[in-house]
Amino acid sequence: MIPASLAVRNLFEDLLGREVTVSPGMPMERADLDKAVVAIFTERSQIAAVLGMDLSLAANAGAALGLLPAGAAEDAIDEKTLTPVLAENVAELCNVLTSLLNREGAPHVKLHQVVVPGQALPSDAAAHLLALGRRLDLVVEVARYGKGRFALSMAP
């Protein structure tokens, strides 16, 4: 089941401890993937969902989670890469986002892998993230940090 945009907003707000707004966004395209953080979620060793956050959202959310200044996110965006601290924070955020995918009585979905810019994205995960169908595409804005794209694609 695709989580509601309100559930995504609430989870970001609760985790980051600051105001977050969400609005409808455009799906990611293949050219976006080399600059994105991609989380692969599995259920019984099969892909259940793939989440993509563009570098802007990953850097801003990672900085907010780590209580780092907004300048840390801006530097990462300018350098087109995440520092190890920001990458670790975003991986933790992806792990917590797993809670949006689990339902009582359903098979357990878990975080399998987080791919950051500069790492190779498995082709099956890329195909899932780019597929039309069961998906949620948002623009997420973290107060006093910035905004970026959030794309969640559920396996058929």
Protein backbone atom coordinates (compact mmCIF):
# COMPACT_ATOMS: atom_id res chain seq x y z
CA MET A 1 0.00 0.00 0.00
CA ILE A 2 1.28 3.44 -0.92
CA PRO A 3 1.61 5.72 2.11
CA ALA A 4 -0.31 8.98 2.12
CA SER A 5 1.63 12.20 1.63
CA LEU A 6 0.45 13.27 5.11
CA ALA A 7 2.12 10.19 6.62
CA VAL A 8 5.37 11.07 4.84
CA ARG A 9 5.19 14.66 6.08
CA ASN A 10 4.44 13.58 9.65
CA LEU A 11 7.31 11.11 9.71
CA PHE A 12 9.79 13.69 8.39
CA GLU A 13 8.52 16.26 10.92
CA ASP A 14 8.72 13.83 13.84
CA LEU A 15 12.19 12.64 12.91
CA LEU A 16 13.69 16.02 12.02
CA GLY A 17 11.98 17.99 14.77
CA ARG A 18 11.04 20.85 12.48
CA GLU A 19 8.25 21.91 10.15
CA VAL A 20 8.07 20.01 6.88
CA THR A 21 5.76 20.71 3.95
CA VAL A 22 4.99 18.34 1.09
CA SER A 23 3.41 18.97 -2.29
CA PRO A 24 2.90 16.87 -5.42
CA GLY A 25 6.09 16.33 -7.41
CA MET A 26 7.28 14.95 -10.71
CA PRO A 27 8.61 11.40 -11.05
CA MET A 28 12.36 10.98 -11.27
CA GLU A 29 13.92 10.35 -14.65
CA ARG A 30 16.93 8.19 -15.51
CA ALA A 31 19.21 11.26 -15.62
CA ASP A 32 18.29 12.04 -11.99
CA LEU A 33 19.45 8.69 -10.60
CA ASP A 34 23.22 9.29 -10.55
CA LYS A 35 22.67 12.27 -8.22
CA ALA A 36 20.08 10.58 -5.99
CA VAL A 37 20.06 8.58 -2.79
CA VAL A 38 18.15 5.36 -3.46
CA ALA A 39 16.88 3.00 -0.78
CA ILE A 40 15.88 -0.53 -1.68
CA PHE A 41 13.31 -2.23 0.54
CA THR A 42 12.72 -5.96 0.42
CA GLU A 43 10.11 -8.43 1.54
CA ARG A 44 11.13 -12.10 1.53
CA SER A 45 14.26 -11.26 -0.51
CA GLN A 46 12.22 -9.58 -3.26
CA ILE A 47 12.07 -5.84 -3.94
CA ALA A 48 8.97 -4.44 -2.25
CA ALA A 49 9.65 -0.73 -2.82
CA VAL A 50 12.33 1.65 -4.01
CA LEU A 51 12.71 5.17 -2.62
CA GLY A 52 14.61 7.96 -4.32
CA MET A 53 15.59 11.30 -2.82
CA ASP A 54 17.36 13.83 -4.97
CA LEU A 55 20.65 15.19 -3.66
CA SER A 56 18.96 18.37 -2.43
CA LEU A 57 16.44 16.56 -0.22
CA ALA A 58 19.02 14.02 0.97
CA ALA A 59 21.50 16.75 1.95
CA ASN A 60 18.89 18.96 3.62
CA ALA A 61 17.19 16.14 5.52
CA GLY A 62 20.54 14.62 6.49
CA ALA A 63 21.79 17.95 7.82
CA ALA A 64 18.55 18.61 9.72
CA LEU A 65 18.61 15.12 11.25
CA GLY A 66 22.21 15.60 12.41
CA LEU A 67 21.50 19.13 13.71
CA LEU A 68 24.11 20.43 11.27
CA PRO A 69 23.91 23.96 9.86
CA ALA A 70 22.09 24.48 6.57
CA GLY A 71 25.48 25.38 5.08
CA ALA A 72 26.54 21.73 5.37
CA ALA A 73 23.67 20.78 3.07
CA GLU A 74 24.43 23.65 0.70
CA ASP A 75 28.08 22.55 0.47
CA ALA A 76 27.05 18.97 -0.32
CA ILE A 77 24.68 20.15 -3.04
CA ASP A 78 27.38 22.40 -4.55
CA GLU A 79 29.91 19.54 -4.46
CA LYS A 80 27.30 17.07 -5.81
CA THR A 81 28.11 14.52 -3.12
CA LEU A 82 27.21 13.65 0.46
CA THR A 83 29.78 13.73 3.23
CA PRO A 84 30.05 10.47 5.20
CA VAL A 85 28.08 12.06 8.07
CA LEU A 86 25.26 13.20 5.77
CA ALA A 87 25.21 9.78 4.05
CA GLU A 88 24.92 8.04 7.43
CA ASN A 89 22.10 10.37 8.50
CA VAL A 90 20.20 9.78 5.26
CA ALA A 91 20.63 6.01 5.63
CA GLU A 92 19.10 6.28 9.11
CA LEU A 93 16.23 8.33 7.68
CA CYS A 94 15.65 5.63 5.04
CA ASN A 95 15.62 2.99 7.77
CA VAL A 96 12.95 4.90 9.70
CA LEU A 97 10.93 5.41 6.51
CA THR A 98 10.53 1.62 6.44
CA SER A 99 7.78 2.13 9.02
CA LEU A 100 5.62 3.66 6.26
CA LEU A 101 5.77 0.39 4.34
CA ASN A 102 4.89 -2.09 7.08
CA ARG A 103 1.31 -3.05 7.90
CA GLU A 104 0.00 -5.26 10.66
CA GLY A 105 -0.60 -8.77 9.40
CA ALA A 106 1.39 -8.21 6.20
CA PRO A 107 4.87 -9.59 5.45
CA HIS A 108 7.64 -7.54 7.04
CA VAL A 109 9.40 -5.04 4.73
CA LYS A 110 12.96 -4.11 5.64
CA LEU A 111 15.66 -1.79 4.37
CA HIS A 112 18.00 -3.82 2.20
CA GLN A 113 20.44 -1.24 0.81
CA VAL A 114 21.03 2.49 0.53
CA VAL A 115 22.87 3.70 -2.57
CA VAL A 116 24.40 7.19 -2.44
CA PRO A 117 25.67 9.31 -5.34
CA GLY A 118 28.86 7.78 -6.73
CA GLN A 119 27.80 4.19 -5.99
CA ALA A 120 26.39 1.84 -8.62
CA LEU A 121 22.60 1.50 -8.52
CA PRO A 122 21.38 -2.04 -9.27
CA SER A 123 19.49 -2.03 -12.57
CA ASP A 124 16.41 -3.76 -11.12
CA ALA A 125 16.12 -1.05 -8.44
CA ALA A 126 16.47 1.68 -11.08
CA ALA A 127 13.75 0.06 -13.18
CA HIS A 128 11.39 -0.08 -10.17
CA LEU A 129 12.05 3.55 -9.26
CA LEU A 130 11.37 4.74 -12.80
CA ALA A 131 8.28 2.58 -13.37
CA LEU A 132 4.88 4.22 -13.59
CA GLY A 133 2.06 2.81 -11.50
CA ARG A 134 1.99 2.41 -7.73
CA ARG A 135 4.07 5.41 -6.68
CA LEU A 136 4.16 8.60 -4.68
CA ASP A 137 6.09 11.62 -5.98
CA LEU A 138 6.50 14.64 -3.72
CA VAL A 139 8.46 17.81 -3.20
CA VAL A 140 9.49 17.82 0.48
CA GLU A 141 10.61 21.08 2.08
CA VAL A 142 12.44 21.09 5.41
CA ALA A 143 12.01 24.43 7.21
CA ARG A 144 15.21 26.53 7.36
CA TYR A 145 17.07 24.01 5.18
CA GLY A 146 15.56 23.53 1.74
CA LYS A 147 13.53 21.25 -0.46
CA GLY A 148 13.96 18.39 -2.85
CA ARG A 149 12.26 15.50 -4.58
CA PHE A 150 10.98 12.32 -2.93
CA ALA A 151 9.91 9.38 -5.09
CA LEU A 152 8.54 6.11 -3.72
CA SER A 153 7.70 3.31 -6.12
CA MET A 154 6.02 0.16 -4.86
CA ALA A 155 6.60 -3.20 -6.51
CA PRO A 156 3.63 -4.47 -8.53
